[in-house]
Amino acid sequence: MTLGSCPYCSGNIEIRDKVINGRKVKLYACTNNYVKTESDGEFWEPTEDSTCSFKVFQNCLGKWGHWISYKEMRELLENGEIEVELVSKKYGKKINYSKIIKLDHEYGVSVDWES
């Protein structure tokens, strides 16, 4: 299944199933990005025949209580940024707040902490 066009090359963004530390995770990656990993699945890097490095792990915002859905990834590819709900745990309390996430060439997505 493809979610849209790659923002950095002529490829498409597809969904790949990965396992990291025994947990199933979706990887949204360009069709021109071929990745290799170590045995534990923690470190992913493009192979020599990759022509694009774009990838976003579904759980990249997991420490803020958010996993990027297929729908959100489609919107992100179309608009370049979207608003998401994040959660902060401070002093034993959960605080919900909204932030804008943007496409980022180096990291896949980045949070606009100034918004």
PDB file of N, CA and C in Angstrom:
ATOM      1  N   MET A   1       0.839  -1.169   0.000  1.00  0.00           N
ATOM      2  CA  MET A   1       0.000   0.000   0.000  1.00  0.00           C
ATOM      3  C   MET A   1       0.893   1.244   0.000  1.00  0.00           C
ATOM      4  N   THR A   2       0.587   2.180  -0.860  1.00  0.00           N
ATOM      5  CA  THR A   2       1.333   3.434  -0.881  1.00  0.00           C
ATOM      6  C   THR A   2       0.472   4.541  -0.257  1.00  0.00           C
ATOM      7  N   LEU A   3       1.141   5.449   0.452  1.00  0.00           N
ATOM      8  CA  LEU A   3       0.451   6.528   1.152  1.00  0.00           C
ATOM      9  C   LEU A   3       0.532   7.861   0.416  1.00  0.00           C
ATOM     10  N   GLY A   4       1.433   7.948  -0.541  1.00  0.00           N
ATOM     11  CA  GLY A   4       1.596   9.192  -1.280  1.00  0.00           C
ATOM     12  C   GLY A   4       2.975   9.258  -1.906  1.00  0.00           C
ATOM     13  N   SER A   5       3.264  10.408  -2.500  1.00  0.00           N
ATOM     14  CA  SER A   5       4.553  10.621  -3.157  1.00  0.00           C
ATOM     15  C   SER A   5       5.611  11.014  -2.139  1.00  0.00           C
ATOM     16  N   CYS A   6       6.830  10.595  -2.397  1.00  0.00           N
ATOM     17  CA  CYS A   6       7.954  10.983  -1.554  1.00  0.00           C
ATOM     18  C   CYS A   6       8.194  12.482  -1.723  1.00  0.00           C
ATOM     19  N   PRO A   7       8.396  13.200  -0.631  1.00  0.00           N
ATOM     20  CA  PRO A   7       8.627  14.640  -0.739  1.00  0.00           C
ATOM     21  C   PRO A   7      10.027  14.998  -1.251  1.00  0.00           C
ATOM     22  N   TYR A   8      10.913  14.001  -1.394  1.00  0.00           N
ATOM     23  CA  TYR A   8      12.305  14.290  -1.735  1.00  0.00           C
ATOM     24  C   TYR A   8      12.799  13.648  -3.021  1.00  0.00           C
ATOM     25  N   CYS A   9      12.006  12.741  -3.608  1.00  0.00           N
ATOM     26  CA  CYS A   9      12.425  12.110  -4.856  1.00  0.00           C
ATOM     27  C   CYS A   9      11.181  11.676  -5.642  1.00  0.00           C
ATOM     28  N   SER A  10      11.357  10.892  -6.667  1.00  0.00           N
ATOM     29  CA  SER A  10      10.231  10.456  -7.502  1.00  0.00           C
ATOM     30  C   SER A  10       9.566   9.179  -6.992  1.00  0.00           C
ATOM     31  N   GLY A  11       9.989   8.689  -5.840  1.00  0.00           N
ATOM     32  CA  GLY A  11       9.428   7.456  -5.286  1.00  0.00           C
ATOM     33  C   GLY A  11       8.094   7.685  -4.591  1.00  0.00           C
ATOM     34  N   ASN A  12       7.551   6.617  -4.052  1.00  0.00           N
ATOM     35  CA  ASN A  12       6.307   6.648  -3.281  1.00  0.00           C
ATOM     36  C   ASN A  12       6.592   6.178  -1.866  1.00  0.00           C
ATOM     37  N   ILE A  13       5.752   6.607  -0.920  1.00  0.00           N
ATOM     38  CA  ILE A  13       5.899   6.170   0.459  1.00  0.00           C
ATOM     39  C   ILE A  13       5.040   4.932   0.659  1.00  0.00           C
ATOM     40  N   GLU A  14       5.683   3.870   1.117  1.00  0.00           N
ATOM     41  CA  GLU A  14       4.990   2.603   1.349  1.00  0.00           C
ATOM     42  C   GLU A  14       5.082   2.232   2.822  1.00  0.00           C
ATOM     43  N   ILE A  15       4.267   1.265   3.218  1.00  0.00           N
ATOM     44  CA  ILE A  15       4.240   0.794   4.599  1.00  0.00           C
ATOM     45  C   ILE A  15       4.994  -0.529   4.662  1.00  0.00           C
ATOM     46  N   ARG A  16       5.949  -0.597   5.575  1.00  0.00           N
ATOM     47  CA  ARG A  16       6.723  -1.825   5.775  1.00  0.00           C
ATOM     48  C   ARG A  16       6.563  -2.290   7.213  1.00  0.00           C
ATOM     49  N   ASP A  17       6.432  -3.588   7.405  1.00  0.00           N
ATOM     50  CA  ASP A  17       6.353  -4.155   8.743  1.00  0.00           C
ATOM     51  C   ASP A  17       7.759  -4.426   9.247  1.00  0.00           C
ATOM     52  N   LYS A  18       8.055  -3.941  10.459  1.00  0.00           N
ATOM     53  CA  LYS A  18       9.356  -4.162  11.086  1.00  0.00           C
ATOM     54  C   LYS A  18       9.137  -4.638  12.507  1.00  0.00           C
ATOM     55  N   VAL A  19      10.146  -5.282  13.070  1.00  0.00           N
ATOM     56  CA  VAL A  19      10.117  -5.708  14.466  1.00  0.00           C
ATOM     57  C   VAL A  19      11.318  -5.080  15.151  1.00  0.00           C
ATOM     58  N   ILE A  20      11.037  -4.316  16.211  1.00  0.00           N
ATOM     59  CA  ILE A  20      12.092  -3.674  16.982  1.00  0.00           C
ATOM     60  C   ILE A  20      11.948  -4.125  18.421  1.00  0.00           C
ATOM     61  N   ASN A  21      12.982  -4.760  18.924  1.00  0.00           N
ATOM     62  CA  ASN A  21      12.960  -5.307  20.290  1.00  0.00           C
ATOM     63  C   ASN A  21      11.718  -6.163  20.536  1.00  0.00           C
ATOM     64  N   GLY A  22      11.362  -6.985  19.569  1.00  0.00           N
ATOM     65  CA  GLY A  22      10.236  -7.893  19.703  1.00  0.00           C
ATOM     66  C   GLY A  22       8.872  -7.255  19.508  1.00  0.00           C
ATOM     67  N   ARG A  23       8.813  -5.971  19.187  1.00  0.00           N
ATOM     68  CA  ARG A  23       7.547  -5.270  19.020  1.00  0.00           C
ATOM     69  C   ARG A  23       7.333  -4.902  17.555  1.00  0.00           C
ATOM     70  N   LYS A  24       6.146  -5.216  17.030  1.00  0.00           N
ATOM     71  CA  LYS A  24       5.838  -4.909  15.640  1.00  0.00           C
ATOM     72  C   LYS A  24       5.578  -3.412  15.476  1.00  0.00           C
ATOM     73  N   VAL A  25       6.218  -2.832  14.471  1.00  0.00           N
ATOM     74  CA  VAL A  25       6.100  -1.405  14.186  1.00  0.00           C
ATOM     75  C   VAL A  25       6.015  -1.224  12.679  1.00  0.00           C
ATOM     76  N   LYS A  26       5.261  -0.234  12.252  1.00  0.00           N
ATOM     77  CA  LYS A  26       5.186   0.111  10.829  1.00  0.00           C
ATOM     78  C   LYS A  26       6.281   1.132  10.523  1.00  0.00           C
ATOM     79  N   LEU A  27       6.869   0.984   9.364  1.00  0.00           N
ATOM     80  CA  LEU A  27       7.855   1.931   8.866  1.00  0.00           C
ATOM     81  C   LEU A  27       7.292   2.519   7.592  1.00  0.00           C
ATOM     82  N   TYR A  28       7.183   3.852   7.545  1.00  0.00           N
ATOM     83  CA  TYR A  28       6.757   4.553   6.342  1.00  0.00           C
ATOM     84  C   TYR A  28       8.042   4.953   5.627  1.00  0.00           C
ATOM     85  N   ALA A  29       8.295   4.374   4.478  1.00  0.00           N
ATOM     86  CA  ALA A  29       9.572   4.599   3.796  1.00  0.00           C
ATOM     87  C   ALA A  29       9.377   4.758   2.297  1.00  0.00           C
ATOM     88  N   CYS A  30      10.304   5.491   1.686  1.00  0.00           N
ATOM     89  CA  CYS A  30      10.298   5.681   0.245  1.00  0.00           C
ATOM     90  C   CYS A  30      10.621   4.363  -0.455  1.00  0.00           C
ATOM     91  N   THR A  31      10.008   4.146  -1.592  1.00  0.00           N
ATOM     92  CA  THR A  31      10.278   2.927  -2.362  1.00  0.00           C
ATOM     93  C   THR A  31      11.719   2.907  -2.876  1.00  0.00           C
ATOM     94  N   ASN A  32      12.402   4.046  -2.863  1.00  0.00           N
ATOM     95  CA  ASN A  32      13.813   4.109  -3.265  1.00  0.00           C
ATOM     96  C   ASN A  32      14.760   4.016  -2.075  1.00  0.00           C
ATOM     97  N   ASN A  33      14.236   3.711  -0.896  1.00  0.00           N
ATOM     98  CA  ASN A  33      15.034   3.574   0.311  1.00  0.00           C
ATOM     99  C   ASN A  33      15.052   2.103   0.723  1.00  0.00           C
ATOM    100  N   TYR A  34      16.203   1.498   0.599  1.00  0.00           N
ATOM    101  CA  TYR A  34      16.384   0.105   0.995  1.00  0.00           C
ATOM    102  C   TYR A  34      17.219   0.127   2.268  1.00  0.00           C
ATOM    103  N   VAL A  35      16.702  -0.478   3.343  1.00  0.00           N
ATOM    104  CA  VAL A  35      17.389  -0.377   4.627  1.00  0.00           C
ATOM    105  C   VAL A  35      17.957  -1.709   5.077  1.00  0.00           C
ATOM    106  N   LYS A  36      19.014  -1.598   5.880  1.00  0.00           N
ATOM    107  CA  LYS A  36      19.593  -2.774   6.536  1.00  0.00           C
ATOM    108  C   LYS A  36      19.620  -2.474   8.024  1.00  0.00           C
ATOM    109  N   THR A  37      19.711  -3.508   8.824  1.00  0.00           N
ATOM    110  CA  THR A  37      19.681  -3.345  10.267  1.00  0.00           C
ATOM    111  C   THR A  37      20.616  -4.346  10.941  1.00  0.00           C
ATOM    112  N   GLU A  38      20.928  -4.034  12.172  1.00  0.00           N
ATOM    113  CA  GLU A  38      21.645  -4.983  13.016  1.00  0.00           C
ATOM    114  C   GLU A  38      20.635  -6.008  13.516  1.00  0.00           C
ATOM    115  N   SER A  39      21.074  -7.033  14.184  1.00  0.00           N
ATOM    116  CA  SER A  39      20.187  -8.117  14.602  1.00  0.00           C
ATOM    117  C   SER A  39      19.123  -7.682  15.609  1.00  0.00           C
ATOM    118  N   ASP A  40      19.385  -6.643  16.423  1.00  0.00           N
ATOM    119  CA  ASP A  40      18.399  -6.237  17.420  1.00  0.00           C
ATOM    120  C   ASP A  40      17.308  -5.334  16.851  1.00  0.00           C
ATOM    121  N   GLY A  41      17.481  -4.844  15.621  1.00  0.00           N
ATOM    122  CA  GLY A  41      16.474  -4.022  14.973  1.00  0.00           C
ATOM    123  C   GLY A  41      16.429  -2.590  15.457  1.00  0.00           C
ATOM    124  N   GLU A  42      17.408  -2.161  16.221  1.00  0.00           N
ATOM    125  CA  GLU A  42      17.401  -0.799  16.755  1.00  0.00           C
ATOM    126  C   GLU A  42      17.955   0.232  15.794  1.00  0.00           C
ATOM    127  N   PHE A  43      18.886  -0.134  14.934  1.00  0.00           N
ATOM    128  CA  PHE A  43      19.539   0.840  14.083  1.00  0.00           C
ATOM    129  C   PHE A  43      19.282   0.495  12.629  1.00  0.00           C
ATOM    130  N   TRP A  44      18.706   1.443  11.891  1.00  0.00           N
ATOM    131  CA  TRP A  44      18.367   1.230  10.489  1.00  0.00           C
ATOM    132  C   TRP A  44      19.111   2.247   9.652  1.00  0.00           C
ATOM    133  N   GLU A  45      19.724   1.793   8.577  1.00  0.00           N
ATOM    134  CA  GLU A  45      20.404   2.719   7.680  1.00  0.00           C
ATOM    135  C   GLU A  45      20.220   2.276   6.238  1.00  0.00           C
ATOM    136  N   PRO A  46      20.283   3.233   5.307  1.00  0.00           N
ATOM    137  CA  PRO A  46      20.099   2.886   3.890  1.00  0.00           C
ATOM    138  C   PRO A  46      21.246   2.012   3.369  1.00  0.00           C
ATOM    139  N   THR A  47      20.927   1.146   2.435  1.00  0.00           N
ATOM    140  CA  THR A  47      21.965   0.349   1.788  1.00  0.00           C
ATOM    141  C   THR A  47      22.630   1.202   0.721  1.00  0.00           C
ATOM    142  N   GLU A  48      23.692   0.698   0.145  1.00  0.00           N
ATOM    143  CA  GLU A  48      24.441   1.450  -0.869  1.00  0.00           C
ATOM    144  C   GLU A  48      23.631   1.702  -2.143  1.00  0.00           C
ATOM    145  N   ASP A  49      22.649   0.842  -2.439  1.00  0.00           N
ATOM    146  CA  ASP A  49      21.851   1.028  -3.655  1.00  0.00           C
ATOM    147  C   ASP A  49      20.614   1.914  -3.440  1.00  0.00           C
ATOM    148  N   SER A  50      20.449   2.477  -2.247  1.00  0.00           N
ATOM    149  CA  SER A  50      19.347   3.410  -1.995  1.00  0.00           C
ATOM    150  C   SER A  50      19.626   4.749  -2.664  1.00  0.00           C
ATOM    151  N   THR A  51      18.582   5.336  -3.236  1.00  0.00           N
ATOM    152  CA  THR A  51      18.722   6.673  -3.819  1.00  0.00           C
ATOM    153  C   THR A  51      17.964   7.718  -3.006  1.00  0.00           C
ATOM    154  N   CYS A  52      17.285   7.291  -1.957  1.00  0.00           N
ATOM    155  CA  CYS A  52      16.549   8.193  -1.073  1.00  0.00           C
ATOM    156  C   CYS A  52      16.652   7.643   0.349  1.00  0.00           C
ATOM    157  N   SER A  53      16.694   8.512   1.328  1.00  0.00           N
ATOM    158  CA  SER A  53      16.824   8.060   2.719  1.00  0.00           C
ATOM    159  C   SER A  53      15.572   8.321   3.550  1.00  0.00           C
ATOM    160  N   PHE A  54      14.475   8.771   2.908  1.00  0.00           N
ATOM    161  CA  PHE A  54      13.281   9.134   3.675  1.00  0.00           C
ATOM    162  C   PHE A  54      12.643   7.928   4.335  1.00  0.00           C
ATOM    163  N   LYS A  55      12.431   8.054   5.668  1.00  0.00           N
ATOM    164  CA  LYS A  55      11.722   7.033   6.437  1.00  0.00           C
ATOM    165  C   LYS A  55      11.183   7.663   7.713  1.00  0.00           C
ATOM    166  N   VAL A  56      10.040   7.170   8.167  1.00  0.00           N
ATOM    167  CA  VAL A  56       9.441   7.604   9.421  1.00  0.00           C
ATOM    168  C   VAL A  56       8.906   6.358  10.110  1.00  0.00           C
ATOM    169  N   PHE A  57       9.367   6.105  11.325  1.00  0.00           N
ATOM    170  CA  PHE A  57       8.816   5.013  12.102  1.00  0.00           C
ATOM    171  C   PHE A  57       7.505   5.472  12.727  1.00  0.00           C
ATOM    172  N   GLN A  58       6.518   4.604  12.694  1.00  0.00           N
ATOM    173  CA  GLN A  58       5.188   4.892  13.220  1.00  0.00           C
ATOM    174  C   GLN A  58       5.253   5.353  14.679  1.00  0.00           C
ATOM    175  N   ASN A  59       6.203   4.849  15.430  1.00  0.00           N
ATOM    176  CA  ASN A  59       6.297   5.140  16.857  1.00  0.00           C
ATOM    177  C   ASN A  59       7.343   6.211  17.192  1.00  0.00           C
ATOM    178  N   CYS A  60       7.752   7.014  16.219  1.00  0.00           N
ATOM    179  CA  CYS A  60       8.816   7.996  16.455  1.00  0.00           C
ATOM    180  C   CYS A  60       8.430   9.056  17.486  1.00  0.00           C
ATOM    181  N   LEU A  61       7.144   9.253  17.721  1.00  0.00           N
ATOM    182  CA  LEU A  61       6.684  10.187  18.749  1.00  0.00           C
ATOM    183  C   LEU A  61       6.159   9.449  19.977  1.00  0.00           C
ATOM    184  N   GLY A  62       6.526   8.185  20.099  1.00  0.00           N
ATOM    185  CA  GLY A  62       6.028   7.329  21.174  1.00  0.00           C
ATOM    186  C   GLY A  62       6.322   7.839  22.570  1.00  0.00           C
ATOM    187  N   LYS A  63       7.452   8.485  22.778  1.00  0.00           N
ATOM    188  CA  LYS A  63       7.757   8.969  24.134  1.00  0.00           C
ATOM    189  C   LYS A  63       6.839  10.120  24.537  1.00  0.00           C
ATOM    190  N   TRP A  64       6.109  10.685  23.561  1.00  0.00           N
ATOM    191  CA  TRP A  64       5.093  11.703  23.839  1.00  0.00           C
ATOM    192  C   TRP A  64       3.692  11.122  23.683  1.00  0.00           C
ATOM    193  N   GLY A  65       3.583   9.795  23.712  1.00  0.00           N
ATOM    194  CA  GLY A  65       2.278   9.133  23.699  1.00  0.00           C
ATOM    195  C   GLY A  65       1.548   9.138  22.377  1.00  0.00           C
ATOM    196  N   HIS A  66       2.266   9.266  21.254  1.00  0.00           N
ATOM    197  CA  HIS A  66       1.586   9.320  19.956  1.00  0.00           C
ATOM    198  C   HIS A  66       2.294   8.442  18.928  1.00  0.00           C
ATOM    199  N   TRP A  67       1.517   7.632  18.217  1.00  0.00           N
ATOM    200  CA  TRP A  67       2.001   6.858  17.080  1.00  0.00           C
ATOM    201  C   TRP A  67       1.350   7.450  15.834  1.00  0.00           C
ATOM    202  N   ILE A  68       2.116   7.637  14.790  1.00  0.00           N
ATOM    203  CA  ILE A  68       1.604   8.250  13.561  1.00  0.00           C
ATOM    204  C   ILE A  68       0.781   7.238  12.771  1.00  0.00           C
ATOM    205  N   SER A  69      -0.477   7.574  12.522  1.00  0.00           N
ATOM    206  CA  SER A  69      -1.389   6.674  11.792  1.00  0.00           C
ATOM    207  C   SER A  69      -1.183   6.813  10.289  1.00  0.00           C
ATOM    208  N   TYR A  70      -1.773   5.883   9.537  1.00  0.00           N
ATOM    209  CA  TYR A  70      -1.717   5.948   8.066  1.00  0.00           C
ATOM    210  C   TYR A  70      -2.316   7.272   7.591  1.00  0.00           C
ATOM    211  N   LYS A  71      -3.478   7.622   8.155  1.00  0.00           N
ATOM    212  CA  LYS A  71      -4.170   8.846   7.749  1.00  0.00           C
ATOM    213  C   LYS A  71      -3.298  10.073   8.014  1.00  0.00           C
ATOM    214  N   GLU A  72      -2.674  10.123   9.175  1.00  0.00           N
ATOM    215  CA  GLU A  72      -1.807  11.261   9.501  1.00  0.00           C
ATOM    216  C   GLU A  72      -0.606  11.324   8.565  1.00  0.00           C
ATOM    217  N   MET A  73      -0.050  10.172   8.217  1.00  0.00           N
ATOM    218  CA  MET A  73       1.102  10.161   7.313  1.00  0.00           C
ATOM    219  C   MET A  73       0.692  10.670   5.934  1.00  0.00           C
ATOM    220  N   ARG A  74      -0.491  10.274   5.460  1.00  0.00           N
ATOM    221  CA  ARG A  74      -0.999  10.785   4.175  1.00  0.00           C
ATOM    222  C   ARG A  74      -1.130  12.308   4.214  1.00  0.00           C
ATOM    223  N   GLU A  75      -1.735  12.823   5.296  1.00  0.00           N
ATOM    224  CA  GLU A  75      -1.899  14.268   5.445  1.00  0.00           C
ATOM    225  C   GLU A  75      -0.551  14.976   5.501  1.00  0.00           C
ATOM    226  N   LEU A  76       0.391  14.391   6.198  1.00  0.00           N
ATOM    227  CA  LEU A  76       1.728  14.962   6.320  1.00  0.00           C
ATOM    228  C   LEU A  76       2.412  15.049   4.958  1.00  0.00           C
ATOM    229  N   LEU A  77       2.261  13.994   4.159  1.00  0.00           N
ATOM    230  CA  LEU A  77       2.848  13.988   2.817  1.00  0.00           C
ATOM    231  C   LEU A  77       2.182  15.026   1.910  1.00  0.00           C
ATOM    232  N   GLU A  78       0.878  15.212   2.069  1.00  0.00           N
ATOM    233  CA  GLU A  78       0.143  16.173   1.242  1.00  0.00           C
ATOM    234  C   GLU A  78       0.424  17.621   1.648  1.00  0.00           C
ATOM    235  N   ASN A  79       0.475  17.889   2.957  1.00  0.00           N
ATOM    236  CA  ASN A  79       0.532  19.261   3.456  1.00  0.00           C
ATOM    237  C   ASN A  79       1.901  19.677   4.002  1.00  0.00           C
ATOM    238  N   GLY A  80       2.782  18.724   4.267  1.00  0.00           N
ATOM    239  CA  GLY A  80       4.094  19.051   4.812  1.00  0.00           C
ATOM    240  C   GLY A  80       4.119  19.214   6.315  1.00  0.00           C
ATOM    241  N   GLU A  81       2.933  19.398   6.930  1.00  0.00           N
ATOM    242  CA  GLU A  81       2.829  19.504   8.378  1.00  0.00           C
ATOM    243  C   GLU A  81       1.407  19.194   8.800  1.00  0.00           C
ATOM    244  N   ILE A  82       1.260  18.705  10.040  1.00  0.00           N
ATOM    245  CA  ILE A  82      -0.052  18.435  10.626  1.00  0.00           C
ATOM    246  C   ILE A  82       0.015  18.709  12.119  1.00  0.00           C
ATOM    247  N   GLU A  83      -1.145  18.852  12.717  1.00  0.00           N
ATOM    248  CA  GLU A  83      -1.234  19.023  14.167  1.00  0.00           C
ATOM    249  C   GLU A  83      -1.549  17.673  14.793  1.00  0.00           C
ATOM    250  N   VAL A  84      -0.827  17.329  15.866  1.00  0.00           N
ATOM    251  CA  VAL A  84      -1.051  16.062  16.556  1.00  0.00           C
ATOM    252  C   VAL A  84      -1.193  16.322  18.056  1.00  0.00           C
ATOM    253  N   GLU A  85      -1.830  15.380  18.735  1.00  0.00           N
ATOM    254  CA  GLU A  85      -1.981  15.437  20.179  1.00  0.00           C
ATOM    255  C   GLU A  85      -0.849  14.655  20.832  1.00  0.00           C
ATOM    256  N   LEU A  86      -0.150  15.293  21.743  1.00  0.00           N
ATOM    257  CA  LEU A  86       0.935  14.662  22.474  1.00  0.00           C
ATOM    258  C   LEU A  86       0.591  14.651  23.955  1.00  0.00           C
ATOM    259  N   VAL A  87       1.320  13.832  24.721  1.00  0.00           N
ATOM    260  CA  VAL A  87       1.089  13.714  26.157  1.00  0.00           C
ATOM    261  C   VAL A  87       2.417  13.869  26.877  1.00  0.00           C
ATOM    262  N   SER A  88       2.401  14.688  27.912  1.00  0.00           N
ATOM    263  CA  SER A  88       3.575  14.860  28.759  1.00  0.00           C
ATOM    264  C   SER A  88       3.228  14.333  30.142  1.00  0.00           C
ATOM    265  N   LYS A  89       4.163  13.646  30.754  1.00  0.00           N
ATOM    266  CA  LYS A  89       3.960  13.165  32.117  1.00  0.00           C
ATOM    267  C   LYS A  89       4.880  13.966  33.027  1.00  0.00           C
ATOM    268  N   LYS A  90       4.253  14.787  33.859  1.00  0.00           N
ATOM    269  CA  LYS A  90       5.027  15.639  34.744  1.00  0.00           C
ATOM    270  C   LYS A  90       4.457  15.542  36.152  1.00  0.00           C
ATOM    271  N   TYR A  91       5.309  15.228  37.088  1.00  0.00           N
ATOM    272  CA  TYR A  91       4.911  15.115  38.496  1.00  0.00           C
ATOM    273  C   TYR A  91       3.754  14.138  38.687  1.00  0.00           C
ATOM    274  N   GLY A  92       3.773  13.045  37.911  1.00  0.00           N
ATOM    275  CA  GLY A  92       2.750  12.014  38.039  1.00  0.00           C
ATOM    276  C   GLY A  92       1.431  12.333  37.363  1.00  0.00           C
ATOM    277  N   LYS A  93       1.354  13.459  36.656  1.00  0.00           N
ATOM    278  CA  LYS A  93       0.126  13.836  35.951  1.00  0.00           C
ATOM    279  C   LYS A  93       0.361  13.803  34.456  1.00  0.00           C
ATOM    280  N   LYS A  94      -0.685  13.471  33.723  1.00  0.00           N
ATOM    281  CA  LYS A  94      -0.632  13.507  32.266  1.00  0.00           C
ATOM    282  C   LYS A  94      -1.172  14.840  31.785  1.00  0.00           C
ATOM    283  N   ILE A  95      -0.411  15.482  30.914  1.00  0.00           N
ATOM    284  CA  ILE A  95      -0.823  16.761  30.346  1.00  0.00           C
ATOM    285  C   ILE A  95      -0.915  16.588  28.833  1.00  0.00           C
ATOM    286  N   ASN A  96      -2.108  16.771  28.274  1.00  0.00           N
ATOM    287  CA  ASN A  96      -2.321  16.671  26.831  1.00  0.00           C
ATOM    288  C   ASN A  96      -2.123  18.039  26.189  1.00  0.00           C
ATOM    289  N   TYR A  97      -1.479  18.046  25.028  1.00  0.00           N
ATOM    290  CA  TYR A  97      -1.273  19.292  24.310  1.00  0.00           C
ATOM    291  C   TYR A  97      -1.106  18.991  22.827  1.00  0.00           C
ATOM    292  N   SER A  98      -1.323  20.016  21.999  1.00  0.00           N
ATOM    293  CA  SER A  98      -1.212  19.877  20.554  1.00  0.00           C
ATOM    294  C   SER A  98       0.068  20.538  20.076  1.00  0.00           C
ATOM    295  N   LYS A  99       0.701  19.918  19.094  1.00  0.00           N
ATOM    296  CA  LYS A  99       1.893  20.466  18.457  1.00  0.00           C
ATOM    297  C   LYS A  99       1.823  20.184  16.966  1.00  0.00           C
ATOM    298  N   ILE A 100       2.534  20.990  16.203  1.00  0.00           N
ATOM    299  CA  ILE A 100       2.652  20.785  14.765  1.00  0.00           C
ATOM    300  C   ILE A 100       3.876  19.900  14.524  1.00  0.00           C
ATOM    301  N   ILE A 101       3.700  18.859  13.709  1.00  0.00           N
ATOM    302  CA  ILE A 101       4.864  18.097  13.255  1.00  0.00           C
ATOM    303  C   ILE A 101       5.041  18.377  11.771  1.00  0.00           C
ATOM    304  N   LYS A 102       6.295  18.417  11.350  1.00  0.00           N
ATOM    305  CA  LYS A 102       6.635  18.754   9.973  1.00  0.00           C
ATOM    306  C   LYS A 102       7.529  17.674   9.373  1.00  0.00           C
ATOM    307  N   LEU A 103       7.487  17.568   8.055  1.00  0.00           N
ATOM    308  CA  LEU A 103       8.427  16.688   7.364  1.00  0.00           C
ATOM    309  C   LEU A 103       9.829  17.222   7.587  1.00  0.00           C
ATOM    310  N   ASP A 104      10.764  16.316   7.800  1.00  0.00           N
ATOM    311  CA  ASP A 104      12.158  16.687   8.043  1.00  0.00           C
ATOM    312  C   ASP A 104      13.035  15.757   7.226  1.00  0.00           C
ATOM    313  N   HIS A 105      13.875  16.320   6.371  1.00  0.00           N
ATOM    314  CA  HIS A 105      14.688  15.509   5.465  1.00  0.00           C
ATOM    315  C   HIS A 105      15.628  14.565   6.223  1.00  0.00           C
ATOM    316  N   GLU A 106      16.191  15.013   7.316  1.00  0.00           N
ATOM    317  CA  GLU A 106      17.144  14.189   8.062  1.00  0.00           C
ATOM    318  C   GLU A 106      16.469  13.182   8.997  1.00  0.00           C
ATOM    319  N   TYR A 107      15.404  13.601   9.686  1.00  0.00           N
ATOM    320  CA  TYR A 107      14.772  12.762  10.724  1.00  0.00           C
ATOM    321  C   TYR A 107      13.420  12.192  10.332  1.00  0.00           C
ATOM    322  N   GLY A 108      12.896  12.531   9.182  1.00  0.00           N
ATOM    323  CA  GLY A 108      11.570  12.067   8.766  1.00  0.00           C
ATOM    324  C   GLY A 108      10.502  13.057   9.175  1.00  0.00           C
ATOM    325  N   VAL A 109      10.347  13.256  10.497  1.00  0.00           N
ATOM    326  CA  VAL A 109       9.448  14.281  11.026  1.00  0.00           C
ATOM    327  C   VAL A 109      10.143  14.992  12.178  1.00  0.00           C
ATOM    328  N   SER A 110       9.713  16.216  12.420  1.00  0.00           N
ATOM    329  CA  SER A 110      10.200  16.950  13.585  1.00  0.00           C
ATOM    330  C   SER A 110       9.040  17.697  14.216  1.00  0.00           C
ATOM    331  N   VAL A 111       9.120  17.916  15.513  1.00  0.00           N
ATOM    332  CA  VAL A 111       8.084  18.624  16.252  1.00  0.00           C
ATOM    333  C   VAL A 111       8.438  20.099  16.290  1.00  0.00           C
ATOM    334  N   ASP A 112       7.474  20.949  15.976  1.00  0.00           N
ATOM    335  CA  ASP A 112       7.663  22.393  16.084  1.00  0.00           C
ATOM    336  C   ASP A 112       7.340  22.788  17.520  1.00  0.00           C
ATOM    337  N   TRP A 113       8.350  22.841  18.354  1.00  0.00           N
ATOM    338  CA  TRP A 113       8.164  23.114  19.771  1.00  0.00           C
ATOM    339  C   TRP A 113       7.784  24.566  20.037  1.00  0.00           C
ATOM    340  N   GLU A 114       7.958  25.431  19.054  1.00  0.00           N
ATOM    341  CA  GLU A 114       7.618  26.846  19.225  1.00  0.00           C
ATOM    342  C   GLU A 114       6.138  27.120  19.008  1.00  0.00           C
ATOM    343  N   SER A 115       5.421  26.189  18.385  1.00  0.00           N
ATOM    344  CA  SER A 115       3.995  26.428  18.094  1.00  0.00           C
ATOM    345  C   SER A 115       3.128  26.207  19.318  1.00  0.00           C
TER     346      SER A 115
END
